[in-house]
Amino acid sequence: MRAKLVVALVVLALAPAMACAQSSISYTSGPTGGTGTVTASGTLTLGTGESVTTVTLYCVACGAEGGENGCAVQTLCMGITWSGTVNNLPSGTYLVFARLKTSASGCVTNINDSPAIMVPVK
């Protein structure tokens, strides 16, 4: 009887965390570098009961300052899209990725990152 109770408590404790791990973010365009800028856009999917908290495009350079910029988020009939540009970057090569933060009942924050891609900036 005691073992069944322990198993039931473990299942209940893990259920909210498993339900929150369903969202994802990906690119449809970019990321591409320009003169002092990186631009990207893409789509995201949400798990049941999740809502978007933020979408942020990150540019990180080794040995140099990185930048970040909040992205526009639009809800469309066929899904959800995002786009963003990071400006005023010094020339160099940047590791670029987009981060999706979502929330749902039982979860404070769920974080998903797109694939990271090296992007040259002039």
PDB file of N, CA and C in Angstrom:
ATOM      1  N   MET A   1       0.826  -1.190   0.000  1.00  0.00           N
ATOM      2  CA  MET A   1       0.000   0.000   0.000  1.00  0.00           C
ATOM      3  C   MET A   1       0.874   1.258   0.000  1.00  0.00           C
ATOM      4  N   ARG A   2       1.921   1.234   0.793  1.00  0.00           N
ATOM      5  CA  ARG A   2       2.808   2.383   0.891  1.00  0.00           C
ATOM      6  C   ARG A   2       3.525   2.643  -0.441  1.00  0.00           C
ATOM      7  N   ALA A   3       3.923   1.574  -1.139  1.00  0.00           N
ATOM      8  CA  ALA A   3       4.599   1.712  -2.434  1.00  0.00           C
ATOM      9  C   ALA A   3       3.672   2.343  -3.464  1.00  0.00           C
ATOM     10  N   LYS A   4       2.391   1.972  -3.460  1.00  0.00           N
ATOM     11  CA  LYS A   4       1.435   2.551  -4.404  1.00  0.00           C
ATOM     12  C   LYS A   4       1.266   4.046  -4.155  1.00  0.00           C
ATOM     13  N   LEU A   5       1.265   4.445  -2.892  1.00  0.00           N
ATOM     14  CA  LEU A   5       1.137   5.851  -2.535  1.00  0.00           C
ATOM     15  C   LEU A   5       2.343   6.642  -3.023  1.00  0.00           C
ATOM     16  N   VAL A   6       3.540   6.097  -2.864  1.00  0.00           N
ATOM     17  CA  VAL A   6       4.752   6.769  -3.311  1.00  0.00           C
ATOM     18  C   VAL A   6       4.739   6.920  -4.834  1.00  0.00           C
ATOM     19  N   VAL A   7       4.361   5.878  -5.560  1.00  0.00           N
ATOM     20  CA  VAL A   7       4.289   5.932  -7.015  1.00  0.00           C
ATOM     21  C   VAL A   7       3.268   6.985  -7.454  1.00  0.00           C
ATOM     22  N   ALA A   8       2.129   7.029  -6.813  1.00  0.00           N
ATOM     23  CA  ALA A   8       1.092   8.002  -7.155  1.00  0.00           C
ATOM     24  C   ALA A   8       1.585   9.426  -6.929  1.00  0.00           C
ATOM     25  N   LEU A   9       2.300   9.673  -5.847  1.00  0.00           N
ATOM     26  CA  LEU A   9       2.822  11.007  -5.559  1.00  0.00           C
ATOM     27  C   LEU A   9       3.881  11.424  -6.573  1.00  0.00           C
ATOM     28  N   VAL A  10       4.728  10.498  -6.987  1.00  0.00           N
ATOM     29  CA  VAL A  10       5.751  10.808  -7.988  1.00  0.00           C
ATOM     30  C   VAL A  10       5.098  11.152  -9.320  1.00  0.00           C
ATOM     31  N   VAL A  11       4.104  10.396  -9.738  1.00  0.00           N
ATOM     32  CA  VAL A  11       3.403  10.668 -10.992  1.00  0.00           C
ATOM     33  C   VAL A  11       2.731  12.033 -10.942  1.00  0.00           C
ATOM     34  N   LEU A  12       2.083  12.361  -9.855  1.00  0.00           N
ATOM     35  CA  LEU A  12       1.416  13.658  -9.720  1.00  0.00           C
ATOM     36  C   LEU A  12       2.423  14.798  -9.706  1.00  0.00           C
ATOM     37  N   ALA A  13       3.566  14.598  -9.084  1.00  0.00           N
ATOM     38  CA  ALA A  13       4.579  15.647  -9.015  1.00  0.00           C
ATOM     39  C   ALA A  13       5.204  15.917 -10.382  1.00  0.00           C
ATOM     40  N   LEU A  14       5.362  14.905 -11.213  1.00  0.00           N
ATOM     41  CA  LEU A  14       5.981  15.062 -12.517  1.00  0.00           C
ATOM     42  C   LEU A  14       5.013  15.498 -13.606  1.00  0.00           C
ATOM     43  N   ALA A  15       3.738  15.263 -13.435  1.00  0.00           N
ATOM     44  CA  ALA A  15       2.753  15.548 -14.479  1.00  0.00           C
ATOM     45  C   ALA A  15       2.759  17.000 -14.957  1.00  0.00           C
ATOM     46  N   PRO A  16       2.765  18.025 -14.075  1.00  0.00           N
ATOM     47  CA  PRO A  16       2.778  19.402 -14.590  1.00  0.00           C
ATOM     48  C   PRO A  16       4.035  19.713 -15.385  1.00  0.00           C
ATOM     49  N   ALA A  17       5.185  19.230 -14.958  1.00  0.00           N
ATOM     50  CA  ALA A  17       6.429  19.510 -15.670  1.00  0.00           C
ATOM     51  C   ALA A  17       6.424  18.869 -17.048  1.00  0.00           C
ATOM     52  N   MET A  18       5.911  17.664 -17.170  1.00  0.00           N
ATOM     53  CA  MET A  18       5.866  17.000 -18.463  1.00  0.00           C
ATOM     54  C   MET A  18       4.884  17.699 -19.396  1.00  0.00           C
ATOM     55  N   ALA A  19       3.788  18.206 -18.865  1.00  0.00           N
ATOM     56  CA  ALA A  19       2.789  18.875 -19.685  1.00  0.00           C
ATOM     57  C   ALA A  19       3.319  20.189 -20.243  1.00  0.00           C
ATOM     58  N   CYS A  20       4.321  20.788 -19.605  1.00  0.00           N
ATOM     59  CA  CYS A  20       4.834  22.091 -20.027  1.00  0.00           C
ATOM     60  C   CYS A  20       5.962  21.991 -21.040  1.00  0.00           C
ATOM     61  N   ALA A  21       6.421  20.833 -21.367  1.00  0.00           N
ATOM     62  CA  ALA A  21       7.596  20.683 -22.225  1.00  0.00           C
ATOM     63  C   ALA A  21       7.220  20.430 -23.683  1.00  0.00           C
ATOM     64  N   GLN A  22       6.137  21.031 -24.176  1.00  0.00           N
ATOM     65  CA  GLN A  22       5.659  20.729 -25.513  1.00  0.00           C
ATOM     66  C   GLN A  22       5.904  21.839 -26.526  1.00  0.00           C
ATOM     67  N   SER A  23       6.348  23.002 -26.121  1.00  0.00           N
ATOM     68  CA  SER A  23       6.519  24.101 -27.060  1.00  0.00           C
ATOM     69  C   SER A  23       7.861  24.011 -27.780  1.00  0.00           C
ATOM     70  N   SER A  24       7.959  24.719 -28.932  1.00  0.00           N
ATOM     71  CA  SER A  24       9.212  24.751 -29.686  1.00  0.00           C
ATOM     72  C   SER A  24       9.277  26.034 -30.500  1.00  0.00           C
ATOM     73  N   ILE A  25      10.496  26.381 -30.944  1.00  0.00           N
ATOM     74  CA  ILE A  25      10.718  27.569 -31.766  1.00  0.00           C
ATOM     75  C   ILE A  25      11.719  27.207 -32.863  1.00  0.00           C
ATOM     76  N   SER A  26      11.500  27.750 -34.073  1.00  0.00           N
ATOM     77  CA  SER A  26      12.396  27.448 -35.192  1.00  0.00           C
ATOM     78  C   SER A  26      12.446  28.643 -36.141  1.00  0.00           C
ATOM     79  N   TYR A  27      13.427  28.597 -37.070  1.00  0.00           N
ATOM     80  CA  TYR A  27      13.599  29.652 -38.074  1.00  0.00           C
ATOM     81  C   TYR A  27      12.836  29.312 -39.351  1.00  0.00           C
ATOM     82  N   THR A  28      12.288  30.346 -40.013  1.00  0.00           N
ATOM     83  CA  THR A  28      11.810  30.227 -41.383  1.00  0.00           C
ATOM     84  C   THR A  28      12.675  31.077 -42.308  1.00  0.00           C
ATOM     85  N   SER A  29      13.353  32.086 -41.743  1.00  0.00           N
ATOM     86  CA  SER A  29      14.246  32.947 -42.498  1.00  0.00           C
ATOM     87  C   SER A  29      15.390  33.387 -41.590  1.00  0.00           C
ATOM     88  N   GLY A  30      16.626  33.239 -42.095  1.00  0.00           N
ATOM     89  CA  GLY A  30      17.779  33.682 -41.310  1.00  0.00           C
ATOM     90  C   GLY A  30      18.184  32.650 -40.290  1.00  0.00           C
ATOM     91  N   PRO A  31      18.979  33.056 -39.353  1.00  0.00           N
ATOM     92  CA  PRO A  31      19.417  34.437 -39.147  1.00  0.00           C
ATOM     93  C   PRO A  31      20.455  34.859 -40.183  1.00  0.00           C
ATOM     94  N   THR A  32      20.394  36.145 -40.562  1.00  0.00           N
ATOM     95  CA  THR A  32      21.347  36.698 -41.512  1.00  0.00           C
ATOM     96  C   THR A  32      21.972  37.949 -40.915  1.00  0.00           C
ATOM     97  N   GLY A  33      23.236  38.168 -41.251  1.00  0.00           N
ATOM     98  CA  GLY A  33      23.952  39.341 -40.768  1.00  0.00           C
ATOM     99  C   GLY A  33      24.021  40.414 -41.828  1.00  0.00           C
ATOM    100  N   GLY A  34      24.021  41.670 -41.391  1.00  0.00           N
ATOM    101  CA  GLY A  34      24.177  42.819 -42.262  1.00  0.00           C
ATOM    102  C   GLY A  34      25.228  43.728 -41.656  1.00  0.00           C
ATOM    103  N   THR A  35      25.156  45.005 -41.960  1.00  0.00           N
ATOM    104  CA  THR A  35      26.076  45.968 -41.373  1.00  0.00           C
ATOM    105  C   THR A  35      25.573  46.323 -39.977  1.00  0.00           C
ATOM    106  N   GLY A  36      26.179  45.706 -38.975  1.00  0.00           N
ATOM    107  CA  GLY A  36      25.803  45.970 -37.582  1.00  0.00           C
ATOM    108  C   GLY A  36      24.497  45.351 -37.138  1.00  0.00           C
ATOM    109  N   THR A  37      23.924  44.445 -37.936  1.00  0.00           N
ATOM    110  CA  THR A  37      22.619  43.871 -37.593  1.00  0.00           C
ATOM    111  C   THR A  37      22.576  42.365 -37.821  1.00  0.00           C
ATOM    112  N   VAL A  38      21.668  41.727 -37.117  1.00  0.00           N
ATOM    113  CA  VAL A  38      21.287  40.335 -37.371  1.00  0.00           C
ATOM    114  C   VAL A  38      19.763  40.303 -37.388  1.00  0.00           C
ATOM    115  N   THR A  39      19.203  39.670 -38.418  1.00  0.00           N
ATOM    116  CA  THR A  39      17.759  39.573 -38.568  1.00  0.00           C
ATOM    117  C   THR A  39      17.360  38.113 -38.713  1.00  0.00           C
ATOM    118  N   ALA A  40      16.235  37.752 -38.108  1.00  0.00           N
ATOM    119  CA  ALA A  40      15.713  36.388 -38.226  1.00  0.00           C
ATOM    120  C   ALA A  40      14.207  36.418 -38.033  1.00  0.00           C
ATOM    121  N   SER A  41      13.561  35.369 -38.524  1.00  0.00           N
ATOM    122  CA  SER A  41      12.128  35.184 -38.284  1.00  0.00           C
ATOM    123  C   SER A  41      11.848  33.696 -38.260  1.00  0.00           C
ATOM    124  N   GLY A  42      10.690  33.344 -37.723  1.00  0.00           N
ATOM    125  CA  GLY A  42      10.375  31.929 -37.652  1.00  0.00           C
ATOM    126  C   GLY A  42       8.984  31.669 -37.123  1.00  0.00           C
ATOM    127  N   THR A  43       8.780  30.421 -36.736  1.00  0.00           N
ATOM    128  CA  THR A  43       7.499  29.999 -36.191  1.00  0.00           C
ATOM    129  C   THR A  43       7.720  29.366 -34.819  1.00  0.00           C
ATOM    130  N   LEU A  44       6.660  29.254 -34.093  1.00  0.00           N
ATOM    131  CA  LEU A  44       6.713  28.563 -32.815  1.00  0.00           C
ATOM    132  C   LEU A  44       5.436  27.774 -32.620  1.00  0.00           C
ATOM    133  N   THR A  45       5.546  26.729 -31.821  1.00  0.00           N
ATOM    134  CA  THR A  45       4.375  25.938 -31.456  1.00  0.00           C
ATOM    135  C   THR A  45       4.237  25.975 -29.953  1.00  0.00           C
ATOM    136  N   LEU A  46       3.007  25.886 -29.494  1.00  0.00           N
ATOM    137  CA  LEU A  46       2.719  25.918 -28.066  1.00  0.00           C
ATOM    138  C   LEU A  46       2.053  24.627 -27.641  1.00  0.00           C
ATOM    139  N   GLY A  47       2.407  24.176 -26.452  1.00  0.00           N
ATOM    140  CA  GLY A  47       1.748  23.023 -25.872  1.00  0.00           C
ATOM    141  C   GLY A  47       0.349  23.394 -25.392  1.00  0.00           C
ATOM    142  N   THR A  48      -0.436  22.409 -25.077  1.00  0.00           N
ATOM    143  CA  THR A  48      -1.796  22.623 -24.601  1.00  0.00           C
ATOM    144  C   THR A  48      -1.782  23.496 -23.360  1.00  0.00           C
ATOM    145  N   GLY A  49      -2.541  24.579 -23.386  1.00  0.00           N
ATOM    146  CA  GLY A  49      -2.658  25.463 -22.236  1.00  0.00           C
ATOM    147  C   GLY A  49      -1.518  26.451 -22.066  1.00  0.00           C
ATOM    148  N   GLU A  50      -0.542  26.441 -22.983  1.00  0.00           N
ATOM    149  CA  GLU A  50       0.588  27.372 -22.876  1.00  0.00           C
ATOM    150  C   GLU A  50       0.278  28.691 -23.581  1.00  0.00           C
ATOM    151  N   SER A  51       0.914  29.769 -23.120  1.00  0.00           N
ATOM    152  CA  SER A  51       0.844  31.056 -23.799  1.00  0.00           C
ATOM    153  C   SER A  51       2.248  31.648 -23.851  1.00  0.00           C
ATOM    154  N   VAL A  52       2.486  32.505 -24.858  1.00  0.00           N
ATOM    155  CA  VAL A  52       3.805  33.120 -25.041  1.00  0.00           C
ATOM    156  C   VAL A  52       4.028  34.175 -23.972  1.00  0.00           C
ATOM    157  N   THR A  53       5.179  34.101 -23.321  1.00  0.00           N
ATOM    158  CA  THR A  53       5.602  35.151 -22.399  1.00  0.00           C
ATOM    159  C   THR A  53       6.501  36.125 -23.151  1.00  0.00           C
ATOM    160  N   THR A  54       7.583  35.619 -23.771  1.00  0.00           N
ATOM    161  CA  THR A  54       8.467  36.446 -24.595  1.00  0.00           C
ATOM    162  C   THR A  54       9.137  35.594 -25.669  1.00  0.00           C
ATOM    163  N   VAL A  55       9.539  36.259 -26.740  1.00  0.00           N
ATOM    164  CA  VAL A  55      10.435  35.682 -27.740  1.00  0.00           C
ATOM    165  C   VAL A  55      11.581  36.675 -27.858  1.00  0.00           C
ATOM    166  N   THR A  56      12.818  36.199 -27.683  1.00  0.00           N
ATOM    167  CA  THR A  56      13.985  37.073 -27.721  1.00  0.00           C
ATOM    168  C   THR A  56      15.015  36.500 -28.676  1.00  0.00           C
ATOM    169  N   LEU A  57      15.584  37.359 -29.506  1.00  0.00           N
ATOM    170  CA  LEU A  57      16.648  36.975 -30.420  1.00  0.00           C
ATOM    171  C   LEU A  57      17.972  37.377 -29.786  1.00  0.00           C
ATOM    172  N   TYR A  58      18.870  36.406 -29.586  1.00  0.00           N
ATOM    173  CA  TYR A  58      20.158  36.644 -28.935  1.00  0.00           C
ATOM    174  C   TYR A  58      21.289  36.562 -29.943  1.00  0.00           C
ATOM    175  N   CYS A  59      22.283  37.450 -29.798  1.00  0.00           N
ATOM    176  CA  CYS A  59      23.515  37.431 -30.582  1.00  0.00           C
ATOM    177  C   CYS A  59      24.674  37.465 -29.599  1.00  0.00           C
ATOM    178  N   VAL A  60      25.496  36.434 -29.585  1.00  0.00           N
ATOM    179  CA  VAL A  60      26.570  36.331 -28.605  1.00  0.00           C
ATOM    180  C   VAL A  60      27.889  36.170 -29.347  1.00  0.00           C
ATOM    181  N   ALA A  61      28.848  37.054 -29.065  1.00  0.00           N
ATOM    182  CA  ALA A  61      30.165  36.986 -29.704  1.00  0.00           C
ATOM    183  C   ALA A  61      31.216  36.646 -28.642  1.00  0.00           C
ATOM    184  N   CYS A  62      32.140  35.759 -28.998  1.00  0.00           N
ATOM    185  CA  CYS A  62      33.248  35.446 -28.093  1.00  0.00           C
ATOM    186  C   CYS A  62      34.214  36.620 -28.077  1.00  0.00           C
ATOM    187  N   GLY A  63      34.546  37.131 -26.909  1.00  0.00           N
ATOM    188  CA  GLY A  63      35.504  38.215 -26.780  1.00  0.00           C
ATOM    189  C   GLY A  63      34.978  39.573 -27.188  1.00  0.00           C
ATOM    190  N   ALA A  64      33.672  39.695 -27.424  1.00  0.00           N
ATOM    191  CA  ALA A  64      33.075  40.985 -27.780  1.00  0.00           C
ATOM    192  C   ALA A  64      31.719  41.093 -27.106  1.00  0.00           C
ATOM    193  N   GLU A  65      31.150  42.275 -27.163  1.00  0.00           N
ATOM    194  CA  GLU A  65      29.835  42.465 -26.552  1.00  0.00           C
ATOM    195  C   GLU A  65      28.758  41.878 -27.447  1.00  0.00           C
ATOM    196  N   GLY A  66      27.804  41.238 -26.848  1.00  0.00           N
ATOM    197  CA  GLY A  66      26.664  40.709 -27.587  1.00  0.00           C
ATOM    198  C   GLY A  66      25.502  41.668 -27.480  1.00  0.00           C
ATOM    199  N   GLY A  67      24.427  41.331 -28.133  1.00  0.00           N
ATOM    200  CA  GLY A  67      23.237  42.162 -28.060  1.00  0.00           C
ATOM    201  C   GLY A  67      22.012  41.287 -28.039  1.00  0.00           C
ATOM    202  N   GLU A  68      20.908  41.854 -27.639  1.00  0.00           N
ATOM    203  CA  GLU A  68      19.652  41.125 -27.680  1.00  0.00           C
ATOM    204  C   GLU A  68      18.535  42.110 -27.939  1.00  0.00           C
ATOM    205  N   ASN A  69      17.474  41.612 -28.492  1.00  0.00           N
ATOM    206  CA  ASN A  69      16.344  42.469 -28.799  1.00  0.00           C
ATOM    207  C   ASN A  69      15.075  41.645 -28.738  1.00  0.00           C
ATOM    208  N   GLY A  70      14.055  42.166 -28.082  1.00  0.00           N
ATOM    209  CA  GLY A  70      12.775  41.483 -28.056  1.00  0.00           C
ATOM    210  C   GLY A  70      12.216  41.381 -29.459  1.00  0.00           C
ATOM    211  N   CYS A  71      11.512  40.319 -29.757  1.00  0.00           N
ATOM    212  CA  CYS A  71      10.972  40.091 -31.098  1.00  0.00           C
ATOM    213  C   CYS A  71       9.470  40.324 -31.103  1.00  0.00           C
ATOM    214  N   ALA A  72       8.982  40.700 -32.271  1.00  0.00           N
ATOM    215  CA  ALA A  72       7.540  40.835 -32.439  1.00  0.00           C
ATOM    216  C   ALA A  72       6.914  39.448 -32.471  1.00  0.00           C
ATOM    217  N   VAL A  73       5.777  39.287 -31.838  1.00  0.00           N
ATOM    218  CA  VAL A  73       5.064  38.012 -31.839  1.00  0.00           C
ATOM    219  C   VAL A  73       3.663  38.262 -32.382  1.00  0.00           C
ATOM    220  N   GLN A  74       3.305  37.503 -33.402  1.00  0.00           N
ATOM    221  CA  GLN A  74       1.977  37.621 -33.992  1.00  0.00           C
ATOM    222  C   GLN A  74       1.292  36.269 -33.948  1.00  0.00           C
ATOM    223  N   THR A  75       0.026  36.260 -33.557  1.00  0.00           N
ATOM    224  CA  THR A  75      -0.756  35.040 -33.618  1.00  0.00           C
ATOM    225  C   THR A  75      -1.543  35.049 -34.929  1.00  0.00           C
ATOM    226  N   LEU A  76      -1.314  34.029 -35.755  1.00  0.00           N
ATOM    227  CA  LEU A  76      -1.983  33.926 -37.047  1.00  0.00           C
ATOM    228  C   LEU A  76      -2.940  32.747 -37.043  1.00  0.00           C
ATOM    229  N   CYS A  77      -3.806  32.687 -38.043  1.00  0.00           N
ATOM    230  CA  CYS A  77      -4.766  31.581 -38.132  1.00  0.00           C
ATOM    231  C   CYS A  77      -4.076  30.231 -38.260  1.00  0.00           C
ATOM    232  N   MET A  78      -2.942  30.187 -38.980  1.00  0.00           N
ATOM    233  CA  MET A  78      -2.266  28.918 -39.232  1.00  0.00           C
ATOM    234  C   MET A  78      -1.163  28.619 -38.217  1.00  0.00           C
ATOM    235  N   GLY A  79      -0.961  29.459 -37.246  1.00  0.00           N
ATOM    236  CA  GLY A  79       0.093  29.234 -36.264  1.00  0.00           C
ATOM    237  C   GLY A  79       0.604  30.557 -35.730  1.00  0.00           C
ATOM    238  N   ILE A  80       1.767  30.522 -35.155  1.00  0.00           N
ATOM    239  CA  ILE A  80       2.332  31.718 -34.541  1.00  0.00           C
ATOM    240  C   ILE A  80       3.685  31.996 -35.173  1.00  0.00           C
ATOM    241  N   THR A  81       3.930  33.260 -35.548  1.00  0.00           N
ATOM    242  CA  THR A  81       5.206  33.646 -36.127  1.00  0.00           C
ATOM    243  C   THR A  81       5.900  34.666 -35.247  1.00  0.00           C
ATOM    244  N   TRP A  82       7.217  34.818 -35.449  1.00  0.00           N
ATOM    245  CA  TRP A  82       8.003  35.826 -34.742  1.00  0.00           C
ATOM    246  C   TRP A  82       9.025  36.397 -35.702  1.00  0.00           C
ATOM    247  N   SER A  83       9.499  37.607 -35.422  1.00  0.00           N
ATOM    248  CA  SER A  83      10.578  38.206 -36.202  1.00  0.00           C
ATOM    249  C   SER A  83      11.302  39.203 -35.313  1.00  0.00           C
ATOM    250  N   GLY A  84      12.580  39.427 -35.613  1.00  0.00           N
ATOM    251  CA  GLY A  84      13.337  40.378 -34.811  1.00  0.00           C
ATOM    252  C   GLY A  84      14.654  40.742 -35.457  1.00  0.00           C
ATOM    253  N   THR A  85      15.183  41.901 -35.063  1.00  0.00           N
ATOM    254  CA  THR A  85      16.471  42.392 -35.526  1.00  0.00           C
ATOM    255  C   THR A  85      17.249  42.907 -34.331  1.00  0.00           C
ATOM    256  N   VAL A  86      18.511  42.516 -34.241  1.00  0.00           N
ATOM    257  CA  VAL A  86      19.414  43.067 -33.242  1.00  0.00           C
ATOM    258  C   VAL A  86      20.287  44.081 -33.970  1.00  0.00           C
ATOM    259  N   ASN A  87      20.336  45.307 -33.453  1.00  0.00           N
ATOM    260  CA  ASN A  87      21.058  46.404 -34.089  1.00  0.00           C
ATOM    261  C   ASN A  87      22.309  46.787 -33.304  1.00  0.00           C
ATOM    262  N   ASN A  88      23.130  47.628 -33.931  1.00  0.00           N
ATOM    263  CA  ASN A  88      24.318  48.227 -33.303  1.00  0.00           C
ATOM    264  C   ASN A  88      25.333  47.204 -32.828  1.00  0.00           C
ATOM    265  N   LEU A  89      25.527  46.141 -33.603  1.00  0.00           N
ATOM    266  CA  LEU A  89      26.524  45.129 -33.262  1.00  0.00           C
ATOM    267  C   LEU A  89      27.866  45.484 -33.898  1.00  0.00           C
ATOM    268  N   PRO A  90      28.962  45.333 -33.143  1.00  0.00           N
ATOM    269  CA  PRO A  90      30.274  45.501 -33.763  1.00  0.00           C
ATOM    270  C   PRO A  90      30.510  44.384 -34.773  1.00  0.00           C
ATOM    271  N   SER A  91      31.368  44.622 -35.766  1.00  0.00           N
ATOM    272  CA  SER A  91      31.630  43.573 -36.750  1.00  0.00           C
ATOM    273  C   SER A  91      32.277  42.373 -36.069  1.00  0.00           C
ATOM    274  N   GLY A  92      31.971  41.198 -36.589  1.00  0.00           N
ATOM    275  CA  GLY A  92      32.473  39.954 -36.023  1.00  0.00           C
ATOM    276  C   GLY A  92      31.526  38.820 -36.347  1.00  0.00           C
ATOM    277  N   THR A  93      31.795  37.678 -35.753  1.00  0.00           N
ATOM    278  CA  THR A  93      30.937  36.517 -35.936  1.00  0.00           C
ATOM    279  C   THR A  93      30.186  36.252 -34.643  1.00  0.00           C
ATOM    280  N   TYR A  94      28.875  36.040 -34.749  1.00  0.00           N
ATOM    281  CA  TYR A  94      28.005  35.885 -33.595  1.00  0.00           C
ATOM    282  C   TYR A  94      27.304  34.535 -33.607  1.00  0.00           C
ATOM    283  N   LEU A  95      27.138  33.988 -32.433  1.00  0.00           N
ATOM    284  CA  LEU A  95      26.298  32.809 -32.249  1.00  0.00           C
ATOM    285  C   LEU A  95      24.890  33.343 -31.996  1.00  0.00           C
ATOM    286  N   VAL A  96      23.950  33.020 -32.888  1.00  0.00           N
ATOM    287  CA  VAL A  96      22.600  33.592 -32.834  1.00  0.00           C
ATOM    288  C   VAL A  96      21.591  32.491 -32.542  1.00  0.00           C
ATOM    289  N   PHE A  97      20.678  32.782 -31.602  1.00  0.00           N
ATOM    290  CA  PHE A  97      19.578  31.864 -31.332  1.00  0.00           C
ATOM    291  C   PHE A  97      18.380  32.646 -30.833  1.00  0.00           C
ATOM    292  N   ALA A  98      17.205  32.075 -31.019  1.00  0.00           N
ATOM    293  CA  ALA A  98      15.961  32.673 -30.524  1.00  0.00           C
ATOM    294  C   ALA A  98      15.499  31.868 -29.318  1.00  0.00           C
ATOM    295  N   ARG A  99      14.987  32.566 -28.318  1.00  0.00           N
ATOM    296  CA  ARG A  99      14.508  31.908 -27.099  1.00  0.00           C
ATOM    297  C   ARG A  99      13.030  32.198 -26.906  1.00  0.00           C
ATOM    298  N   LEU A 100      12.261  31.137 -26.737  1.00  0.00           N
ATOM    299  CA  LEU A 100      10.820  31.219 -26.471  1.00  0.00           C
ATOM    300  C   LEU A 100      10.581  30.924 -24.997  1.00  0.00           C
ATOM    301  N   LYS A 101       9.919  31.856 -24.319  1.00  0.00           N
ATOM    302  CA  LYS A 101       9.486  31.611 -22.940  1.00  0.00           C
ATOM    303  C   LYS A 101       7.965  31.540 -22.944  1.00  0.00           C
ATOM    304  N   THR A 102       7.444  30.469 -22.354  1.00  0.00           N
ATOM    305  CA  THR A 102       6.003  30.287 -22.262  1.00  0.00           C
ATOM    306  C   THR A 102       5.606  30.074 -20.809  1.00  0.00           C
ATOM    307  N   SER A 103       4.333  30.209 -20.557  1.00  0.00           N
ATOM    308  CA  SER A 103       3.810  29.897 -19.224  1.00  0.00           C
ATOM    309  C   SER A 103       2.521  29.100 -19.386  1.00  0.00           C
ATOM    310  N   ALA A 104       2.230  28.323 -18.368  1.00  0.00           N
ATOM    311  CA  ALA A 104       1.006  27.522 -18.331  1.00  0.00           C
ATOM    312  C   ALA A 104       0.676  27.263 -16.880  1.00  0.00           C
ATOM    313  N   SER A 105      -0.554  26.867 -16.620  1.00  0.00           N
ATOM    314  CA  SER A 105      -0.933  26.574 -15.246  1.00  0.00           C
ATOM    315  C   SER A 105      -0.046  25.452 -14.713  1.00  0.00           C
ATOM    316  N   GLY A 106       0.476  25.648 -13.531  1.00  0.00           N
ATOM    317  CA  GLY A 106       1.361  24.660 -12.937  1.00  0.00           C
ATOM    318  C   GLY A 106       2.821  24.884 -13.260  1.00  0.00           C
ATOM    319  N   CYS A 107       3.126  25.799 -14.203  1.00  0.00           N
ATOM    320  CA  CYS A 107       4.515  26.097 -14.567  1.00  0.00           C
ATOM    321  C   CYS A 107       4.737  27.590 -14.495  1.00  0.00           C
ATOM    322  N   VAL A 108       5.814  27.994 -13.861  1.00  0.00           N
ATOM    323  CA  VAL A 108       6.148  29.411 -13.824  1.00  0.00           C
ATOM    324  C   VAL A 108       6.649  29.835 -15.197  1.00  0.00           C
ATOM    325  N   THR A 109       7.671  29.148 -15.722  1.00  0.00           N
ATOM    326  CA  THR A 109       8.229  29.477 -17.029  1.00  0.00           C
ATOM    327  C   THR A 109       8.768  28.222 -17.688  1.00  0.00           C
ATOM    328  N   ASN A 110       8.548  28.111 -18.978  1.00  0.00           N
ATOM    329  CA  ASN A 110       9.118  27.042 -19.788  1.00  0.00           C
ATOM    330  C   ASN A 110       9.961  27.715 -20.863  1.00  0.00           C
ATOM    331  N   ILE A 111      11.228  27.290 -21.044  1.00  0.00           N
ATOM    332  CA  ILE A 111      12.139  27.932 -21.979  1.00  0.00           C
ATOM    333  C   ILE A 111      12.547  26.949 -23.062  1.00  0.00           C
ATOM    334  N   ASN A 112      12.452  27.387 -24.327  1.00  0.00           N
ATOM    335  CA  ASN A 112      12.882  26.593 -25.479  1.00  0.00           C
ATOM    336  C   ASN A 112      13.751  27.469 -26.365  1.00  0.00           C
ATOM    337  N   ASP A 113      14.876  26.929 -26.858  1.00  0.00           N
ATOM    338  CA  ASP A 113      15.767  27.660 -27.744  1.00  0.00           C
ATOM    339  C   ASP A 113      15.740  27.055 -29.147  1.00  0.00           C
ATOM    340  N   SER A 114      15.902  27.936 -30.145  1.00  0.00           N
ATOM    341  CA  SER A 114      16.062  27.480 -31.517  1.00  0.00           C
ATOM    342  C   SER A 114      17.484  26.951 -31.671  1.00  0.00           C
ATOM    343  N   PRO A 115      17.790  26.297 -32.791  1.00  0.00           N
ATOM    344  CA  PRO A 115      19.177  25.933 -33.036  1.00  0.00           C
ATOM    345  C   PRO A 115      20.047  27.201 -33.077  1.00  0.00           C
ATOM    346  N   ALA A 116      21.275  27.095 -32.572  1.00  0.00           N
ATOM    347  CA  ALA A 116      22.211  28.223 -32.610  1.00  0.00           C
ATOM    348  C   ALA A 116      22.995  28.169 -33.920  1.00  0.00           C
ATOM    349  N   ILE A 117      23.134  29.332 -34.563  1.00  0.00           N
ATOM    350  CA  ILE A 117      23.791  29.419 -35.861  1.00  0.00           C
ATOM    351  C   ILE A 117      24.841  30.532 -35.825  1.00  0.00           C
ATOM    352  N   MET A 118      26.025  30.277 -36.378  1.00  0.00           N
ATOM    353  CA  MET A 118      27.073  31.296 -36.468  1.00  0.00           C
ATOM    354  C   MET A 118      26.746  32.229 -37.629  1.00  0.00           C
ATOM    355  N   VAL A 119      26.770  33.561 -37.352  1.00  0.00           N
ATOM    356  CA  VAL A 119      26.389  34.558 -38.348  1.00  0.00           C
ATOM    357  C   VAL A 119      27.456  35.651 -38.383  1.00  0.00           C
ATOM    358  N   PRO A 120      28.016  35.955 -39.585  1.00  0.00           N
ATOM    359  CA  PRO A 120      28.957  37.063 -39.688  1.00  0.00           C
ATOM    360  C   PRO A 120      28.227  38.416 -39.787  1.00  0.00           C
ATOM    361  N   VAL A 121      28.778  39.417 -39.097  1.00  0.00           N
ATOM    362  CA  VAL A 121      28.232  40.778 -39.122  1.00  0.00           C
ATOM    363  C   VAL A 121      29.338  41.708 -39.620  1.00  0.00           C
ATOM    364  N   LYS A 122      29.000  42.598 -40.551  1.00  0.00           N
ATOM    365  CA  LYS A 122      29.973  43.534 -41.122  1.00  0.00           C
ATOM    366  C   LYS A 122      30.098  44.770 -40.267  1.00  0.00           C
TER     367      LYS A 122
END
